[in-house]
Amino acid sequence: MLSWFVRRTRLPLLSLRCVDCPSESATTGEGRFRVNANGKLLDVWLLVRCVSCDWTSKLTVHERAPVRSFDPAELDRYHTNDPELVASKLLDPLFARRNRFTLDWKGAWRLDAPPVRLDEAWPVKVEVLFEDPVPLRPDRLVARELGLSRNEVPRRIKFDVPPRRSTSAGFTFTVMAEN
């Protein structure tokens, strides 16, 4: 069985309406958090910038949370703008829903795949693994990587998931011999 890996090359852009211009794309840039104390309560925001006008907006991570509710190590990660923490917050679907944005993965991922050799014994089973939740249609990914037309995919490929649905979870498929 061959393994293909879908990997993130950069953080995806956010589809988020800008308050200053008509743009609907924002980026985290270097990924900076802002922590604000108000007495014994903390607010934590993730700062994002509009790609068109450079306007800064805040996405709420924690709002009016008691200082004691934070793990000291986690609070330190917010203060040091930990890149892994930025990525985990952005890729969290609940965080996206709460802050009303979606992720735009165009140009933010790559497929690491060994070539399927034509001299191998048929059928060839391939497993596709995702390191991050990149939404892809299995049929389009396979057609692009194997150089097949979209009409050829149903004849040569057997999927374990329906190929018309977008997925961000791993899946397997089998490449059948050309008849």
C-alpha atoms as a PDB file:
ATOM      1  CA  MET A   1       0.000   0.000   0.000  1.00  0.00           C
ATOM      2  CA  LEU A   2       1.241   3.472  -0.906  1.00  0.00           C
ATOM      3  CA  SER A   3       0.776   6.441   1.417  1.00  0.00           C
ATOM      4  CA  TRP A   4       0.058   9.983   0.282  1.00  0.00           C
ATOM      5  CA  PHE A   5       0.271  12.868   2.742  1.00  0.00           C
ATOM      6  CA  VAL A   6      -1.645  16.164   2.527  1.00  0.00           C
ATOM      7  CA  ARG A   7       0.485  18.733   4.381  1.00  0.00           C
ATOM      8  CA  ARG A   8       0.038  22.383   5.231  1.00  0.00           C
ATOM      9  CA  THR A   9       2.639  24.686   3.651  1.00  0.00           C
ATOM     10  CA  ARG A  10       1.412  27.810   5.462  1.00  0.00           C
ATOM     11  CA  LEU A  11      -1.540  28.868   7.558  1.00  0.00           C
ATOM     12  CA  PRO A  12      -4.652  29.273   5.419  1.00  0.00           C
ATOM     13  CA  LEU A  13      -6.187  32.679   4.813  1.00  0.00           C
ATOM     14  CA  LEU A  14      -9.343  33.524   6.696  1.00  0.00           C
ATOM     15  CA  SER A  15     -12.530  34.371   4.836  1.00  0.00           C
ATOM     16  CA  LEU A  16     -13.522  37.211   7.092  1.00  0.00           C
ATOM     17  CA  ARG A  17     -15.212  40.462   6.162  1.00  0.00           C
ATOM     18  CA  CYS A  18     -13.026  43.536   6.739  1.00  0.00           C
ATOM     19  CA  VAL A  19     -14.631  46.450   8.604  1.00  0.00           C
ATOM     20  CA  ASP A  20     -12.525  49.001   6.702  1.00  0.00           C
ATOM     21  CA  CYS A  21     -12.645  47.845   3.049  1.00  0.00           C
ATOM     22  CA  PRO A  22     -14.684  45.467   0.846  1.00  0.00           C
ATOM     23  CA  SER A  23     -12.091  42.671   1.130  1.00  0.00           C
ATOM     24  CA  GLU A  24     -13.060  39.301   2.588  1.00  0.00           C
ATOM     25  CA  SER A  25      -9.593  37.846   3.198  1.00  0.00           C
ATOM     26  CA  ALA A  26      -7.446  38.159   6.276  1.00  0.00           C
ATOM     27  CA  THR A  27      -4.216  36.614   7.466  1.00  0.00           C
ATOM     28  CA  THR A  28      -2.659  35.988  10.856  1.00  0.00           C
ATOM     29  CA  GLY A  29       0.696  37.295   9.656  1.00  0.00           C
ATOM     30  CA  GLU A  30       3.224  36.176  12.263  1.00  0.00           C
ATOM     31  CA  GLY A  31       0.395  35.045  14.527  1.00  0.00           C
ATOM     32  CA  ARG A  32       0.138  37.377  17.486  1.00  0.00           C
ATOM     33  CA  PHE A  33      -2.046  37.157  20.550  1.00  0.00           C
ATOM     34  CA  ARG A  34      -3.121  40.100  22.646  1.00  0.00           C
ATOM     35  CA  VAL A  35      -3.700  39.478  26.340  1.00  0.00           C
ATOM     36  CA  ASN A  36      -5.530  42.162  28.286  1.00  0.00           C
ATOM     37  CA  ALA A  37      -6.045  42.106  32.066  1.00  0.00           C
ATOM     38  CA  ASN A  38      -8.993  43.760  33.739  1.00  0.00           C
ATOM     39  CA  GLY A  39      -8.665  43.147  37.463  1.00  0.00           C
ATOM     40  CA  LYS A  40      -8.673  39.377  37.944  1.00  0.00           C
ATOM     41  CA  LEU A  41     -10.162  38.717  34.517  1.00  0.00           C
ATOM     42  CA  LEU A  42      -8.316  38.182  31.230  1.00  0.00           C
ATOM     43  CA  ASP A  43      -9.268  38.687  27.612  1.00  0.00           C
ATOM     44  CA  VAL A  44      -7.209  36.920  24.936  1.00  0.00           C
ATOM     45  CA  TRP A  45      -7.518  37.770  21.246  1.00  0.00           C
ATOM     46  CA  LEU A  46      -5.813  36.517  18.120  1.00  0.00           C
ATOM     47  CA  LEU A  47      -4.891  39.460  15.893  1.00  0.00           C
ATOM     48  CA  VAL A  48      -5.535  39.148  12.141  1.00  0.00           C
ATOM     49  CA  ARG A  49      -4.835  41.601   9.323  1.00  0.00           C
ATOM     50  CA  CYS A  50      -6.787  42.337   6.171  1.00  0.00           C
ATOM     51  CA  VAL A  51      -4.705  41.358   3.131  1.00  0.00           C
ATOM     52  CA  SER A  52      -5.944  44.403   1.178  1.00  0.00           C
ATOM     53  CA  CYS A  53      -5.818  47.346   3.593  1.00  0.00           C
ATOM     54  CA  ASP A  54      -3.722  45.958   6.501  1.00  0.00           C
ATOM     55  CA  TRP A  55      -6.520  46.709   9.021  1.00  0.00           C
ATOM     56  CA  THR A  56      -6.103  44.733  12.252  1.00  0.00           C
ATOM     57  CA  SER A  57      -9.053  42.860  13.736  1.00  0.00           C
ATOM     58  CA  LYS A  58      -9.330  40.744  16.865  1.00  0.00           C
ATOM     59  CA  LEU A  59     -10.706  37.210  17.090  1.00  0.00           C
ATOM     60  CA  THR A  60     -11.846  36.323  20.605  1.00  0.00           C
ATOM     61  CA  VAL A  61      -9.992  33.372  22.138  1.00  0.00           C
ATOM     62  CA  HIS A  62     -11.046  33.921  25.787  1.00  0.00           C
ATOM     63  CA  GLU A  63     -13.367  36.595  27.095  1.00  0.00           C
ATOM     64  CA  ARG A  64     -13.507  37.726  30.725  1.00  0.00           C
ATOM     65  CA  ALA A  65     -11.912  34.509  31.963  1.00  0.00           C
ATOM     66  CA  PRO A  66     -10.630  34.380  35.569  1.00  0.00           C
ATOM     67  CA  VAL A  67      -6.824  34.423  35.755  1.00  0.00           C
ATOM     68  CA  ARG A  68      -6.872  31.269  37.884  1.00  0.00           C
ATOM     69  CA  SER A  69      -8.657  29.324  35.136  1.00  0.00           C
ATOM     70  CA  PHE A  70      -5.541  29.524  32.917  1.00  0.00           C
ATOM     71  CA  ASP A  71      -2.769  26.978  33.047  1.00  0.00           C
ATOM     72  CA  PRO A  72       0.435  29.036  33.600  1.00  0.00           C
ATOM     73  CA  ALA A  73       2.160  27.255  30.707  1.00  0.00           C
ATOM     74  CA  GLU A  74      -0.739  28.060  28.356  1.00  0.00           C
ATOM     75  CA  LEU A  75      -0.775  31.692  29.466  1.00  0.00           C
ATOM     76  CA  ASP A  76       2.962  31.872  28.777  1.00  0.00           C
ATOM     77  CA  ARG A  77       2.324  30.487  25.277  1.00  0.00           C
ATOM     78  CA  TYR A  78      -0.175  33.324  24.661  1.00  0.00           C
ATOM     79  CA  HIS A  79       2.384  35.898  25.844  1.00  0.00           C
ATOM     80  CA  THR A  80       5.148  34.461  23.620  1.00  0.00           C
ATOM     81  CA  ASN A  81       2.855  34.112  20.568  1.00  0.00           C
ATOM     82  CA  ASP A  82       3.531  30.386  20.204  1.00  0.00           C
ATOM     83  CA  PRO A  83       3.108  29.477  16.476  1.00  0.00           C
ATOM     84  CA  GLU A  84       1.721  26.012  17.301  1.00  0.00           C
ATOM     85  CA  LEU A  85      -0.931  27.580  19.530  1.00  0.00           C
ATOM     86  CA  VAL A  86      -1.854  30.037  16.761  1.00  0.00           C
ATOM     87  CA  ALA A  87      -2.252  27.145  14.300  1.00  0.00           C
ATOM     88  CA  SER A  88      -4.287  25.036  16.718  1.00  0.00           C
ATOM     89  CA  LYS A  89      -6.675  27.926  17.414  1.00  0.00           C
ATOM     90  CA  LEU A  90      -7.142  28.750  13.715  1.00  0.00           C
ATOM     91  CA  LEU A  91      -7.762  25.121  12.756  1.00  0.00           C
ATOM     92  CA  ASP A  92     -10.291  24.609  15.565  1.00  0.00           C
ATOM     93  CA  PRO A  93     -13.790  24.523  13.988  1.00  0.00           C
ATOM     94  CA  LEU A  94     -15.455  25.798  17.181  1.00  0.00           C
ATOM     95  CA  PHE A  95     -13.130  28.821  17.247  1.00  0.00           C
ATOM     96  CA  ALA A  96     -13.958  29.526  13.583  1.00  0.00           C
ATOM     97  CA  ARG A  97     -17.696  29.237  14.198  1.00  0.00           C
ATOM     98  CA  ARG A  98     -17.563  31.500  17.264  1.00  0.00           C
ATOM     99  CA  ASN A  99     -15.633  34.172  15.358  1.00  0.00           C
ATOM    100  CA  ARG A 100     -17.618  33.729  12.112  1.00  0.00           C
ATOM    101  CA  PHE A 101     -14.857  32.943   9.645  1.00  0.00           C
ATOM    102  CA  THR A 102     -13.981  30.106   7.316  1.00  0.00           C
ATOM    103  CA  LEU A 103     -10.572  28.983   6.116  1.00  0.00           C
ATOM    104  CA  ASP A 104      -9.389  29.492   2.550  1.00  0.00           C
ATOM    105  CA  TRP A 105      -6.919  26.680   1.831  1.00  0.00           C
ATOM    106  CA  LYS A 106      -5.983  27.763  -1.726  1.00  0.00           C
ATOM    107  CA  GLY A 107      -2.202  27.514  -2.024  1.00  0.00           C
ATOM    108  CA  ALA A 108      -1.788  26.526   1.635  1.00  0.00           C
ATOM    109  CA  TRP A 109      -1.237  22.785   1.197  1.00  0.00           C
ATOM    110  CA  ARG A 110       0.728  20.281  -0.864  1.00  0.00           C
ATOM    111  CA  LEU A 111       0.475  16.583  -1.573  1.00  0.00           C
ATOM    112  CA  ASP A 112       3.532  14.453  -0.858  1.00  0.00           C
ATOM    113  CA  ALA A 113       3.009  11.321  -2.896  1.00  0.00           C
ATOM    114  CA  PRO A 114       5.360   8.718  -4.308  1.00  0.00           C
ATOM    115  CA  PRO A 115       4.523   8.072  -7.961  1.00  0.00           C
ATOM    116  CA  VAL A 116       2.258   5.152  -8.791  1.00  0.00           C
ATOM    117  CA  ARG A 117       4.437   2.998 -11.025  1.00  0.00           C
ATOM    118  CA  LEU A 118       2.759   1.378 -13.983  1.00  0.00           C
ATOM    119  CA  ASP A 119       4.918  -1.764 -13.646  1.00  0.00           C
ATOM    120  CA  GLU A 120       3.531  -2.589 -10.200  1.00  0.00           C
ATOM    121  CA  ALA A 121       1.106  -5.430  -9.683  1.00  0.00           C
ATOM    122  CA  TRP A 122      -2.480  -4.295 -10.114  1.00  0.00           C
ATOM    123  CA  PRO A 123      -4.602  -3.251  -8.305  1.00  0.00           C
ATOM    124  CA  VAL A 124      -2.646  -0.620  -6.332  1.00  0.00           C
ATOM    125  CA  LYS A 125      -4.083   0.464  -2.986  1.00  0.00           C
ATOM    126  CA  VAL A 126      -3.339   4.042  -1.843  1.00  0.00           C
ATOM    127  CA  GLU A 127      -3.953   5.598   1.573  1.00  0.00           C
ATOM    128  CA  VAL A 128      -4.344   9.389   1.816  1.00  0.00           C
ATOM    129  CA  LEU A 129      -3.509  10.895   5.222  1.00  0.00           C
ATOM    130  CA  PHE A 130      -4.207  14.472   6.326  1.00  0.00           C
ATOM    131  CA  GLU A 131      -1.998  16.287   8.839  1.00  0.00           C
ATOM    132  CA  ASP A 132      -4.438  19.229   8.963  1.00  0.00           C
ATOM    133  CA  PRO A 133      -8.140  19.472   8.075  1.00  0.00           C
ATOM    134  CA  VAL A 134      -7.722  20.558   4.434  1.00  0.00           C
ATOM    135  CA  PRO A 135     -11.131  20.150   2.718  1.00  0.00           C
ATOM    136  CA  LEU A 136     -10.575  18.316  -0.578  1.00  0.00           C
ATOM    137  CA  ARG A 137     -12.701  16.306  -2.958  1.00  0.00           C
ATOM    138  CA  PRO A 138     -11.127  12.855  -3.241  1.00  0.00           C
ATOM    139  CA  ASP A 139     -11.968  12.428  -6.932  1.00  0.00           C
ATOM    140  CA  ARG A 140     -10.322  15.719  -7.921  1.00  0.00           C
ATOM    141  CA  LEU A 141      -7.201  15.046  -5.828  1.00  0.00           C
ATOM    142  CA  VAL A 142      -6.735  11.582  -7.332  1.00  0.00           C
ATOM    143  CA  ALA A 143      -7.423  12.735 -10.894  1.00  0.00           C
ATOM    144  CA  ARG A 144      -4.898  15.560 -10.575  1.00  0.00           C
ATOM    145  CA  GLU A 145      -2.158  13.427  -9.031  1.00  0.00           C
ATOM    146  CA  LEU A 146      -2.569  10.437 -11.362  1.00  0.00           C
ATOM    147  CA  GLY A 147      -3.110  12.535 -14.477  1.00  0.00           C
ATOM    148  CA  LEU A 148      -6.519  11.007 -15.164  1.00  0.00           C
ATOM    149  CA  SER A 149      -9.495  12.731 -16.718  1.00  0.00           C
ATOM    150  CA  ARG A 150     -12.589  13.112 -14.560  1.00  0.00           C
ATOM    151  CA  ASN A 151     -14.385  10.606 -16.843  1.00  0.00           C
ATOM    152  CA  GLU A 152     -11.615   8.061 -16.287  1.00  0.00           C
ATOM    153  CA  VAL A 153     -11.721   8.283 -12.467  1.00  0.00           C
ATOM    154  CA  PRO A 154     -14.973   6.277 -11.975  1.00  0.00           C
ATOM    155  CA  ARG A 155     -13.672   3.527 -14.291  1.00  0.00           C
ATOM    156  CA  ARG A 156     -10.193   3.164 -12.755  1.00  0.00           C
ATOM    157  CA  ILE A 157     -10.588   4.205  -9.111  1.00  0.00           C
ATOM    158  CA  LYS A 158     -12.558   2.519  -6.331  1.00  0.00           C
ATOM    159  CA  PHE A 159     -13.034   4.821  -3.291  1.00  0.00           C
ATOM    160  CA  ASP A 160     -13.896   3.895   0.283  1.00  0.00           C
ATOM    161  CA  VAL A 161     -15.820   7.214   0.608  1.00  0.00           C
ATOM    162  CA  PRO A 162     -18.228   8.771  -1.897  1.00  0.00           C
ATOM    163  CA  PRO A 163     -15.959  10.770  -4.254  1.00  0.00           C
ATOM    164  CA  ARG A 164     -18.382  13.699  -4.679  1.00  0.00           C
ATOM    165  CA  ARG A 165     -18.091  14.775  -1.044  1.00  0.00           C
ATOM    166  CA  SER A 166     -15.398  17.040   0.303  1.00  0.00           C
ATOM    167  CA  THR A 167     -13.371  15.438   3.069  1.00  0.00           C
ATOM    168  CA  SER A 168     -10.607  16.481   5.419  1.00  0.00           C
ATOM    169  CA  ALA A 169     -10.158  13.033   6.914  1.00  0.00           C
ATOM    170  CA  GLY A 170      -8.018  10.252   5.572  1.00  0.00           C
ATOM    171  CA  PHE A 171      -9.378   7.887   2.954  1.00  0.00           C
ATOM    172  CA  THR A 172      -8.188   4.993   0.829  1.00  0.00           C
ATOM    173  CA  PHE A 173      -8.721   4.123  -2.792  1.00  0.00           C
ATOM    174  CA  THR A 174      -7.697   1.423  -5.213  1.00  0.00           C
ATOM    175  CA  VAL A 175      -6.285   2.044  -8.687  1.00  0.00           C
ATOM    176  CA  MET A 176      -7.499  -0.648 -11.060  1.00  0.00           C
ATOM    177  CA  ALA A 177      -5.620  -1.804 -14.164  1.00  0.00           C
ATOM    178  CA  GLU A 178      -6.479  -0.093 -17.423  1.00  0.00           C
ATOM    179  CA  ASN A 179      -8.744  -2.317 -19.533  1.00  0.00           C
END
